[in-house]
Amino acid sequence: MIRKILSAPYYRIRHALAAWTWRIRNRITGHPGRPEAPPNTTTLEFLATTGCKNIAEIGVEWGSTSKEIAKWLEGKGVLHLFDYEDRVKLVAERLRQAGFTNIVGHGNSRRTLDSYNWSLMEILRDGNVPAFDYVFLDGAHTWPIDALAFFLIDRLLAPGGYLDFDDYDWTIDSSPTVNPRVYPPMRRLYTEEQMRSQQVALVVNLLVRKGGNYEELVPNKIFRKRS
């Protein structure tokens, strides 16, 4: 059903118009943003093959995938949402209005050096370990944030649990919303090399694969923690 919806001509036109609108918005406001994206069907299809009940979604944006995960849980277990405070509040409220009560929000501010890593640290600090059996990481997509995120997630993920990465090939330079031509402040944050680099791939290749404690189940995306 999901695939039929996403393949419909109307959806493609609507999504293209939304992307164009957001690119204009970014230029006017000076802040990066993205149009609402469809649910991540690869993640949802794989998740449905597991018995996971303590799920973390890191980077919820508009909550498209969050809603489908909540539906799949059917009120069992817990869905933890990590993102900016305003996004987490909005998505969590939408889910509660839809009747889902097993939602826990972990919002962070928009200060330059704040991120979901602080929220992950707080869970680790409070001793709630293991906290998750499935983590979907669709956050910053950058080495400075997600390299640390991996090590924190590794401490919080149960043996046999799953770590799911989004956008293995993504780069800042190829992004339609945060590339430096659309969002010039990126030039103050990253070098040209860094903007051209696939930083999610760096995390996967240098930390996950070389660490030796994860089995690759879906190429470049889903890994199972051995111990």
C-alpha atoms as a PDB file:
ATOM      1  CA  MET A   1       0.000   0.000   0.000  1.00  0.00           C
ATOM      2  CA  ILE A   2       2.780   2.429   0.955  1.00  0.00           C
ATOM      3  CA  ARG A   3       4.612   1.800  -2.309  1.00  0.00           C
ATOM      4  CA  LYS A   4       1.468   2.458  -4.340  1.00  0.00           C
ATOM      5  CA  ILE A   5       0.984   5.806  -2.648  1.00  0.00           C
ATOM      6  CA  LEU A   6       4.598   6.859  -3.096  1.00  0.00           C
ATOM      7  CA  SER A   7       4.602   5.880  -6.770  1.00  0.00           C
ATOM      8  CA  ALA A   8       1.484   7.859  -7.637  1.00  0.00           C
ATOM      9  CA  PRO A   9       2.032  10.771 -10.063  1.00  0.00           C
ATOM     10  CA  TYR A  10       0.148  13.121  -7.727  1.00  0.00           C
ATOM     11  CA  TYR A  11       2.527  12.386  -4.889  1.00  0.00           C
ATOM     12  CA  ARG A  12       5.588  13.035  -7.069  1.00  0.00           C
ATOM     13  CA  ILE A  13       4.190  16.365  -8.263  1.00  0.00           C
ATOM     14  CA  ARG A  14       3.200  17.392  -4.748  1.00  0.00           C
ATOM     15  CA  HIS A  15       6.610  16.461  -3.356  1.00  0.00           C
ATOM     16  CA  ALA A  16       8.456  18.339  -6.138  1.00  0.00           C
ATOM     17  CA  LEU A  17       6.392  21.471  -5.514  1.00  0.00           C
ATOM     18  CA  ALA A  18       7.012  21.197  -1.777  1.00  0.00           C
ATOM     19  CA  ALA A  19      10.766  20.880  -2.315  1.00  0.00           C
ATOM     20  CA  TRP A  20      10.771  23.943  -4.581  1.00  0.00           C
ATOM     21  CA  THR A  21       8.799  25.931  -1.977  1.00  0.00           C
ATOM     22  CA  TRP A  22      11.220  24.990   0.770  1.00  0.00           C
ATOM     23  CA  ARG A  23      14.255  25.996  -1.283  1.00  0.00           C
ATOM     24  CA  ILE A  24      12.728  29.467  -1.646  1.00  0.00           C
ATOM     25  CA  ARG A  25      11.940  29.519   2.071  1.00  0.00           C
ATOM     26  CA  ASN A  26      15.556  28.685   2.921  1.00  0.00           C
ATOM     27  CA  ARG A  27      16.854  31.587   0.840  1.00  0.00           C
ATOM     28  CA  ILE A  28      14.414  34.048   2.422  1.00  0.00           C
ATOM     29  CA  THR A  29      14.784  32.990   6.066  1.00  0.00           C
ATOM     30  CA  GLY A  30      18.448  32.002   6.047  1.00  0.00           C
ATOM     31  CA  HIS A  31      17.587  28.777   7.887  1.00  0.00           C
ATOM     32  CA  PRO A  32      17.797  25.295   6.379  1.00  0.00           C
ATOM     33  CA  GLY A  33      14.674  23.197   6.170  1.00  0.00           C
ATOM     34  CA  ARG A  34      13.153  20.344   4.207  1.00  0.00           C
ATOM     35  CA  PRO A  35       9.708  19.507   2.878  1.00  0.00           C
ATOM     36  CA  GLU A  36       7.798  16.635   4.429  1.00  0.00           C
ATOM     37  CA  ALA A  37       9.321  13.346   3.331  1.00  0.00           C
ATOM     38  CA  PRO A  38       7.568  10.004   2.846  1.00  0.00           C
ATOM     39  CA  PRO A  39       8.046   7.224   5.421  1.00  0.00           C
ATOM     40  CA  ASN A  40      11.221   5.185   5.103  1.00  0.00           C
ATOM     41  CA  THR A  41       9.766   1.992   3.635  1.00  0.00           C
ATOM     42  CA  THR A  42      13.024  -0.014   3.863  1.00  0.00           C
ATOM     43  CA  THR A  43      13.186   0.651   7.584  1.00  0.00           C
ATOM     44  CA  LEU A  44       9.509  -0.134   8.111  1.00  0.00           C
ATOM     45  CA  GLU A  45       9.621  -3.361   6.122  1.00  0.00           C
ATOM     46  CA  PHE A  46      12.672  -4.604   8.005  1.00  0.00           C
ATOM     47  CA  LEU A  47      11.333  -3.533  11.392  1.00  0.00           C
ATOM     48  CA  ALA A  48       8.208  -5.603  10.714  1.00  0.00           C
ATOM     49  CA  THR A  49      10.389  -8.744  10.618  1.00  0.00           C
ATOM     50  CA  THR A  50      11.699  -8.140  14.140  1.00  0.00           C
ATOM     51  CA  GLY A  51      10.161  -8.333  17.571  1.00  0.00           C
ATOM     52  CA  CYS A  52      11.618  -5.014  18.685  1.00  0.00           C
ATOM     53  CA  LYS A  53       9.598  -3.001  21.185  1.00  0.00           C
ATOM     54  CA  ASN A  54      11.975  -0.298  22.445  1.00  0.00           C
ATOM     55  CA  ILE A  55      12.647   1.828  19.408  1.00  0.00           C
ATOM     56  CA  ALA A  56      14.556   5.089  18.999  1.00  0.00           C
ATOM     57  CA  GLU A  57      14.111   7.311  15.991  1.00  0.00           C
ATOM     58  CA  ILE A  58      16.854   9.918  15.869  1.00  0.00           C
ATOM     59  CA  GLY A  59      15.856  12.699  13.515  1.00  0.00           C
ATOM     60  CA  VAL A  60      12.070  12.706  13.186  1.00  0.00           C
ATOM     61  CA  GLU A  61      11.574  15.779  10.958  1.00  0.00           C
ATOM     62  CA  TRP A  62       7.797  15.778  10.264  1.00  0.00           C
ATOM     63  CA  GLY A  63       7.131  12.358  11.790  1.00  0.00           C
ATOM     64  CA  SER A  64       6.211  10.400   8.657  1.00  0.00           C
ATOM     65  CA  THR A  65       8.205   7.340   9.718  1.00  0.00           C
ATOM     66  CA  SER A  66       7.365   7.906  13.388  1.00  0.00           C
ATOM     67  CA  LYS A  67       3.665   7.498  12.701  1.00  0.00           C
ATOM     68  CA  GLU A  68       4.163   4.221  10.845  1.00  0.00           C
ATOM     69  CA  ILE A  69       6.390   2.855  13.619  1.00  0.00           C
ATOM     70  CA  ALA A  70       3.774   3.806  16.209  1.00  0.00           C
ATOM     71  CA  LYS A  71       1.108   2.008  14.185  1.00  0.00           C
ATOM     72  CA  TRP A  72       3.280  -1.092  13.979  1.00  0.00           C
ATOM     73  CA  LEU A  73       3.896  -1.118  17.738  1.00  0.00           C
ATOM     74  CA  GLU A  74       0.115  -1.191  18.348  1.00  0.00           C
ATOM     75  CA  GLY A  75       0.502   0.391  21.752  1.00  0.00           C
ATOM     76  CA  LYS A  76       3.183  -2.043  22.903  1.00  0.00           C
ATOM     77  CA  GLY A  77       6.692  -1.034  23.870  1.00  0.00           C
ATOM     78  CA  VAL A  78       7.991   2.520  23.572  1.00  0.00           C
ATOM     79  CA  LEU A  79       8.906   4.832  20.704  1.00  0.00           C
ATOM     80  CA  HIS A  80      11.590   7.378  21.633  1.00  0.00           C
ATOM     81  CA  LEU A  81      11.825  10.481  19.460  1.00  0.00           C
ATOM     82  CA  PHE A  82      15.015  12.565  19.187  1.00  0.00           C
ATOM     83  CA  ASP A  83      15.294  15.884  17.350  1.00  0.00           C
ATOM     84  CA  TYR A  84      14.994  19.621  17.941  1.00  0.00           C
ATOM     85  CA  GLU A  85      12.565  20.461  20.750  1.00  0.00           C
ATOM     86  CA  ASP A  86      10.002  22.059  18.443  1.00  0.00           C
ATOM     87  CA  ARG A  87       9.998  19.088  16.076  1.00  0.00           C
ATOM     88  CA  VAL A  88       9.747  16.504  18.852  1.00  0.00           C
ATOM     89  CA  LYS A  89       6.932  18.405  20.520  1.00  0.00           C
ATOM     90  CA  LEU A  90       4.984  18.689  17.269  1.00  0.00           C
ATOM     91  CA  VAL A  91       5.379  15.045  16.231  1.00  0.00           C
ATOM     92  CA  ALA A  92       4.732  13.679  19.727  1.00  0.00           C
ATOM     93  CA  GLU A  93       1.559  15.745  20.015  1.00  0.00           C
ATOM     94  CA  ARG A  94       0.335  14.569  16.616  1.00  0.00           C
ATOM     95  CA  LEU A  95       0.900  10.960  17.614  1.00  0.00           C
ATOM     96  CA  ARG A  96      -0.868  11.396  20.944  1.00  0.00           C
ATOM     97  CA  GLN A  97      -3.815  13.003  19.190  1.00  0.00           C
ATOM     98  CA  ALA A  98      -3.903   9.939  16.945  1.00  0.00           C
ATOM     99  CA  GLY A  99      -4.232   7.775  20.063  1.00  0.00           C
ATOM    100  CA  PHE A 100      -0.647   6.660  20.610  1.00  0.00           C
ATOM    101  CA  THR A 101       0.397   6.965  24.267  1.00  0.00           C
ATOM    102  CA  ASN A 102       3.688   5.049  24.199  1.00  0.00           C
ATOM    103  CA  ILE A 103       5.727   8.015  22.954  1.00  0.00           C
ATOM    104  CA  VAL A 104       8.708   9.550  24.768  1.00  0.00           C
ATOM    105  CA  GLY A 105      10.206  12.769  23.425  1.00  0.00           C
ATOM    106  CA  HIS A 106      13.834  13.817  23.809  1.00  0.00           C
ATOM    107  CA  GLY A 107      14.201  17.319  22.399  1.00  0.00           C
ATOM    108  CA  ASN A 108      17.334  19.416  22.157  1.00  0.00           C
ATOM    109  CA  SER A 109      17.767  23.127  21.540  1.00  0.00           C
ATOM    110  CA  ARG A 110      18.945  24.719  18.317  1.00  0.00           C
ATOM    111  CA  ARG A 111      22.140  26.048  19.885  1.00  0.00           C
ATOM    112  CA  THR A 112      25.168  25.401  17.699  1.00  0.00           C
ATOM    113  CA  LEU A 113      26.818  22.756  19.871  1.00  0.00           C
ATOM    114  CA  ASP A 114      23.669  21.137  21.231  1.00  0.00           C
ATOM    115  CA  SER A 115      22.327  17.958  19.621  1.00  0.00           C
ATOM    116  CA  TYR A 116      20.594  14.669  20.317  1.00  0.00           C
ATOM    117  CA  ASN A 117      23.929  13.431  21.649  1.00  0.00           C
ATOM    118  CA  TRP A 118      23.192  15.273  24.893  1.00  0.00           C
ATOM    119  CA  SER A 119      19.866  13.457  25.209  1.00  0.00           C
ATOM    120  CA  LEU A 120      21.560  10.110  24.551  1.00  0.00           C
ATOM    121  CA  MET A 121      24.175  10.946  27.182  1.00  0.00           C
ATOM    122  CA  GLU A 122      21.430  11.668  29.735  1.00  0.00           C
ATOM    123  CA  ILE A 123      19.904   8.228  29.205  1.00  0.00           C
ATOM    124  CA  LEU A 124      23.328   6.620  29.569  1.00  0.00           C
ATOM    125  CA  ARG A 125      24.100   8.741  32.645  1.00  0.00           C
ATOM    126  CA  ASP A 126      20.848   7.743  34.311  1.00  0.00           C
ATOM    127  CA  GLY A 127      21.702   4.069  33.918  1.00  0.00           C
ATOM    128  CA  ASN A 128      18.796   3.051  31.713  1.00  0.00           C
ATOM    129  CA  VAL A 129      20.875   0.493  29.823  1.00  0.00           C
ATOM    130  CA  PRO A 130      20.150  -1.208  27.515  1.00  0.00           C
ATOM    131  CA  ALA A 131      17.529   1.305  26.490  1.00  0.00           C
ATOM    132  CA  PHE A 132      16.771   0.251  22.908  1.00  0.00           C
ATOM    133  CA  ASP A 133      16.554  -2.800  20.689  1.00  0.00           C
ATOM    134  CA  TYR A 134      16.187  -0.801  17.469  1.00  0.00           C
ATOM    135  CA  VAL A 135      17.694   2.580  16.590  1.00  0.00           C
ATOM    136  CA  PHE A 136      16.945   4.406  13.344  1.00  0.00           C
ATOM    137  CA  LEU A 137      19.583   7.109  12.884  1.00  0.00           C
ATOM    138  CA  ASP A 138      18.378   9.773  10.445  1.00  0.00           C
ATOM    139  CA  GLY A 139      19.823  12.849  12.078  1.00  0.00           C
ATOM    140  CA  ALA A 140      22.596  15.286  11.242  1.00  0.00           C
ATOM    141  CA  HIS A 141      24.349  13.005   8.705  1.00  0.00           C
ATOM    142  CA  THR A 142      27.667  14.577   9.706  1.00  0.00           C
ATOM    143  CA  TRP A 143      30.827  13.143  11.229  1.00  0.00           C
ATOM    144  CA  PRO A 144      31.115  15.668  14.121  1.00  0.00           C
ATOM    145  CA  ILE A 145      27.691  14.658  15.473  1.00  0.00           C
ATOM    146  CA  ASP A 146      27.052  11.119  14.279  1.00  0.00           C
ATOM    147  CA  ALA A 147      30.472   9.650  15.047  1.00  0.00           C
ATOM    148  CA  LEU A 148      29.810  10.347  18.728  1.00  0.00           C
ATOM    149  CA  ALA A 149      26.185   9.307  18.299  1.00  0.00           C
ATOM    150  CA  PHE A 150      27.340   5.859  17.181  1.00  0.00           C
ATOM    151  CA  PHE A 151      29.356   5.266  20.354  1.00  0.00           C
ATOM    152  CA  LEU A 152      26.499   6.459  22.554  1.00  0.00           C
ATOM    153  CA  ILE A 153      23.973   4.311  20.688  1.00  0.00           C
ATOM    154  CA  ASP A 154      26.305   1.327  20.970  1.00  0.00           C
ATOM    155  CA  ARG A 155      26.247   1.692  24.766  1.00  0.00           C
ATOM    156  CA  LEU A 156      22.451   1.978  24.781  1.00  0.00           C
ATOM    157  CA  LEU A 157      21.634  -0.780  22.272  1.00  0.00           C
ATOM    158  CA  ALA A 158      20.865  -4.271  23.551  1.00  0.00           C
ATOM    159  CA  PRO A 159      22.903  -7.216  22.230  1.00  0.00           C
ATOM    160  CA  GLY A 160      21.052  -8.546  19.214  1.00  0.00           C
ATOM    161  CA  GLY A 161      19.555  -5.102  18.624  1.00  0.00           C
ATOM    162  CA  TYR A 162      19.564  -3.261  15.319  1.00  0.00           C
ATOM    163  CA  LEU A 163      21.238  -0.039  14.197  1.00  0.00           C
ATOM    164  CA  ASP A 164      19.685   1.423  11.058  1.00  0.00           C
ATOM    165  CA  PHE A 165      21.395   4.236   9.117  1.00  0.00           C
ATOM    166  CA  ASP A 166      19.659   6.496   6.626  1.00  0.00           C
ATOM    167  CA  ASP A 167      21.299   8.162   3.608  1.00  0.00           C
ATOM    168  CA  TYR A 168      24.610   6.306   3.382  1.00  0.00           C
ATOM    169  CA  ASP A 169      25.579   8.233   0.218  1.00  0.00           C
ATOM    170  CA  TRP A 170      24.366  11.664   1.348  1.00  0.00           C
ATOM    171  CA  THR A 171      26.620  14.715   1.153  1.00  0.00           C
ATOM    172  CA  ILE A 172      26.142  18.306   2.172  1.00  0.00           C
ATOM    173  CA  ASP A 173      27.109  19.463  -1.297  1.00  0.00           C
ATOM    174  CA  SER A 174      24.443  17.325  -2.998  1.00  0.00           C
ATOM    175  CA  SER A 175      21.667  18.210  -0.580  1.00  0.00           C
ATOM    176  CA  PRO A 176      18.898  20.285  -2.200  1.00  0.00           C
ATOM    177  CA  THR A 177      18.272  22.165   1.054  1.00  0.00           C
ATOM    178  CA  VAL A 178      21.598  22.624   2.886  1.00  0.00           C
ATOM    179  CA  ASN A 179      24.197  22.758   0.102  1.00  0.00           C
ATOM    180  CA  PRO A 180      26.237  25.965   0.315  1.00  0.00           C
ATOM    181  CA  ARG A 181      24.689  27.419  -2.825  1.00  0.00           C
ATOM    182  CA  VAL A 182      21.251  27.339  -1.184  1.00  0.00           C
ATOM    183  CA  TYR A 183      22.384  27.758   2.409  1.00  0.00           C
ATOM    184  CA  PRO A 184      25.669  29.789   2.438  1.00  0.00           C
ATOM    185  CA  PRO A 185      26.310  29.463   6.236  1.00  0.00           C
ATOM    186  CA  MET A 186      27.474  25.919   5.533  1.00  0.00           C
ATOM    187  CA  ARG A 187      30.730  27.410   4.197  1.00  0.00           C
ATOM    188  CA  ARG A 188      31.480  28.698   7.703  1.00  0.00           C
ATOM    189  CA  LEU A 189      30.904  25.276   9.230  1.00  0.00           C
ATOM    190  CA  TYR A 190      32.601  22.872   6.819  1.00  0.00           C
ATOM    191  CA  THR A 191      35.478  22.736   4.360  1.00  0.00           C
ATOM    192  CA  GLU A 192      34.898  21.958   0.695  1.00  0.00           C
ATOM    193  CA  GLU A 193      36.255  18.450   1.261  1.00  0.00           C
ATOM    194  CA  GLN A 194      33.899  17.891   4.169  1.00  0.00           C
ATOM    195  CA  MET A 195      30.893  19.103   2.185  1.00  0.00           C
ATOM    196  CA  ARG A 196      31.728  16.711  -0.645  1.00  0.00           C
ATOM    197  CA  SER A 197      32.337  13.748   1.678  1.00  0.00           C
ATOM    198  CA  GLN A 198      29.774  11.055   2.412  1.00  0.00           C
ATOM    199  CA  GLN A 199      29.874  11.482   6.167  1.00  0.00           C
ATOM    200  CA  VAL A 200      27.306   8.809   7.044  1.00  0.00           C
ATOM    201  CA  ALA A 201      29.419   6.397   5.011  1.00  0.00           C
ATOM    202  CA  LEU A 202      32.468   7.438   7.043  1.00  0.00           C
ATOM    203  CA  VAL A 203      30.683   6.499  10.272  1.00  0.00           C
ATOM    204  CA  VAL A 204      29.589   3.155   8.829  1.00  0.00           C
ATOM    205  CA  ASN A 205      32.908   2.272   7.201  1.00  0.00           C
ATOM    206  CA  LEU A 206      35.318   3.449   9.886  1.00  0.00           C
ATOM    207  CA  LEU A 207      33.388   2.795  13.085  1.00  0.00           C
ATOM    208  CA  VAL A 208      30.657   0.220  12.554  1.00  0.00           C
ATOM    209  CA  ARG A 209      32.377  -2.141  10.119  1.00  0.00           C
ATOM    210  CA  LYS A 210      35.887  -1.848  11.535  1.00  0.00           C
ATOM    211  CA  GLY A 211      34.624  -2.267  15.094  1.00  0.00           C
ATOM    212  CA  GLY A 212      33.790  -5.890  14.356  1.00  0.00           C
ATOM    213  CA  ASN A 213      30.777  -6.127  16.670  1.00  0.00           C
ATOM    214  CA  TYR A 214      28.044  -5.624  14.059  1.00  0.00           C
ATOM    215  CA  GLU A 215      26.658  -7.949  11.430  1.00  0.00           C
ATOM    216  CA  GLU A 216      25.552  -6.244   8.216  1.00  0.00           C
ATOM    217  CA  LEU A 217      22.006  -7.297   7.293  1.00  0.00           C
ATOM    218  CA  VAL A 218      20.933  -4.689   4.744  1.00  0.00           C
ATOM    219  CA  PRO A 219      23.869  -3.298   2.720  1.00  0.00           C
ATOM    220  CA  ASN A 220      25.084   0.090   3.953  1.00  0.00           C
ATOM    221  CA  LYS A 221      22.007   0.446   6.164  1.00  0.00           C
ATOM    222  CA  ILE A 222      21.005  -2.066   8.847  1.00  0.00           C
ATOM    223  CA  PHE A 223      23.404  -3.759  11.247  1.00  0.00           C
ATOM    224  CA  ARG A 224      22.795  -6.177  14.132  1.00  0.00           C
ATOM    225  CA  LYS A 225      24.831  -5.857  17.313  1.00  0.00           C
ATOM    226  CA  ARG A 226      26.525  -9.121  18.182  1.00  0.00           C
ATOM    227  CA  SER A 227      27.228  -8.619  21.889  1.00  0.00           C
END
